[in-house]
Amino acid sequence: MQLGGNISLAGFKELEPAKMIVVKKITGNYVKKMQEKSSKFESLHLHLKQVHATKYELQAKVVVNGHPYNSETVDFNLFFALDKALSKILEEIS
């Protein structure tokens, strides 16, 4: 699933539409912050796996100026996992 030209999501098709709206909003806000921090933002890829029935594993990869930044997190709450993964990468981008 693509969001704009430089954001791709994998494993999100099973989510309820209401959750997808929040995921898109959180992701969009972080991408905006990353673009403000570095004008050389290239892409974001998020991969969601559901672990058991209650945990979410989220892998994030951001490419800025040809340099990849990776983050992985596991949480019971999808939105907390998304926030943790993307904030970790945002801190690393210089």
Protein backbone atom coordinates (compact mmCIF):
# COMPACT_ATOMS: atom_id res chain seq x y z
CA MET A 1 0.00 0.00 0.00
CA GLN A 2 1.39 3.39 -0.98
CA LEU A 3 0.80 6.71 0.79
CA GLY A 4 1.99 9.42 -1.50
CA GLY A 5 5.05 8.73 -3.60
CA ASN A 6 7.60 7.97 -0.92
CA ILE A 7 5.71 6.12 1.85
CA SER A 8 4.92 2.41 1.62
CA LEU A 9 3.09 0.20 4.10
CA ALA A 10 3.18 -3.60 4.26
CA GLY A 11 0.98 -5.79 6.43
CA PHE A 12 -1.61 -3.11 7.12
CA LYS A 13 -4.44 -4.53 4.96
CA GLU A 14 -5.98 -6.42 7.88
CA LEU A 15 -6.48 -3.28 9.99
CA GLU A 16 -9.87 -1.76 10.59
CA PRO A 17 -10.52 1.43 8.57
CA ALA A 18 -10.65 3.57 11.75
CA LYS A 19 -7.19 2.35 12.81
CA MET A 20 -5.82 2.99 9.31
CA ILE A 21 -6.92 6.63 9.52
CA VAL A 22 -4.90 7.08 12.73
CA VAL A 23 -1.90 5.19 11.28
CA LYS A 24 -1.91 7.46 8.21
CA LYS A 25 -2.17 10.59 10.40
CA ILE A 26 0.71 9.56 12.71
CA THR A 27 2.86 8.49 9.76
CA GLY A 28 2.17 11.70 7.86
CA ASN A 29 3.08 13.85 10.85
CA TYR A 30 6.40 12.03 11.32
CA VAL A 31 7.26 12.25 7.62
CA LYS A 32 6.60 15.98 7.74
CA LYS A 33 8.96 16.31 10.74
CA MET A 34 11.62 14.23 8.95
CA GLN A 35 11.35 16.40 5.84
CA GLU A 36 11.72 19.53 8.00
CA LYS A 37 14.79 18.05 9.70
CA SER A 38 16.42 16.96 6.44
CA SER A 39 15.62 18.23 2.98
CA LYS A 40 17.09 15.02 1.57
CA PHE A 41 14.30 12.70 2.86
CA GLU A 42 13.78 9.96 0.26
CA SER A 43 11.43 7.25 1.52
CA LEU A 44 9.73 5.50 4.42
CA HIS A 45 8.76 1.83 4.52
CA LEU A 46 6.71 0.36 7.39
CA HIS A 47 6.20 -3.39 7.82
CA LEU A 48 3.60 -4.60 10.33
CA LYS A 49 3.45 -8.14 11.69
CA GLN A 50 0.92 -9.30 14.24
CA VAL A 51 2.62 -11.45 16.88
CA HIS A 52 0.19 -13.84 18.52
CA ALA A 53 -3.22 -12.17 18.70
CA THR A 54 -2.36 -9.21 20.87
CA LYS A 55 1.10 -7.85 20.00
CA TYR A 56 2.24 -5.79 17.03
CA GLU A 57 5.77 -5.93 15.64
CA LEU A 58 6.62 -2.92 13.54
CA GLN A 59 9.72 -2.46 11.40
CA ALA A 60 10.48 0.97 9.98
CA LYS A 61 13.07 1.94 7.40
CA VAL A 62 13.73 5.52 6.38
CA VAL A 63 16.19 6.56 3.68
CA VAL A 64 17.68 10.05 3.96
CA ASN A 65 20.31 11.14 1.46
CA GLY A 66 21.01 7.51 0.54
CA HIS A 67 21.56 6.50 4.17
CA PRO A 68 19.11 3.96 5.66
CA TYR A 69 17.82 4.32 9.21
CA ASN A 70 16.12 1.26 10.73
CA SER A 71 13.97 0.76 13.78
CA GLU A 72 11.99 -2.15 15.17
CA THR A 73 9.55 -2.28 18.06
CA VAL A 74 7.00 -4.64 19.60
CA ASP A 75 4.02 -3.40 21.60
CA PHE A 76 0.49 -4.35 22.57
CA ASN A 77 -0.75 -1.02 21.18
CA LEU A 78 -0.23 -0.42 17.46
CA PHE A 79 -0.13 3.36 17.83
CA PHE A 80 2.49 3.25 20.59
CA ALA A 81 4.60 0.89 18.46
CA LEU A 82 4.34 3.25 15.49
CA ASP A 83 5.23 6.27 17.61
CA LYS A 84 8.24 4.52 19.19
CA ALA A 85 9.63 3.27 15.88
CA LEU A 86 9.31 6.58 14.06
CA SER A 87 10.50 8.77 16.96
CA LYS A 88 13.61 6.60 17.28
CA ILE A 89 14.46 7.24 13.63
CA LEU A 90 13.61 10.94 13.88
CA GLU A 91 16.18 11.29 16.69
CA GLU A 92 18.87 9.61 14.56
CA ILE A 93 18.40 11.83 11.53
CA SER A 94 20.86 14.69 11.61
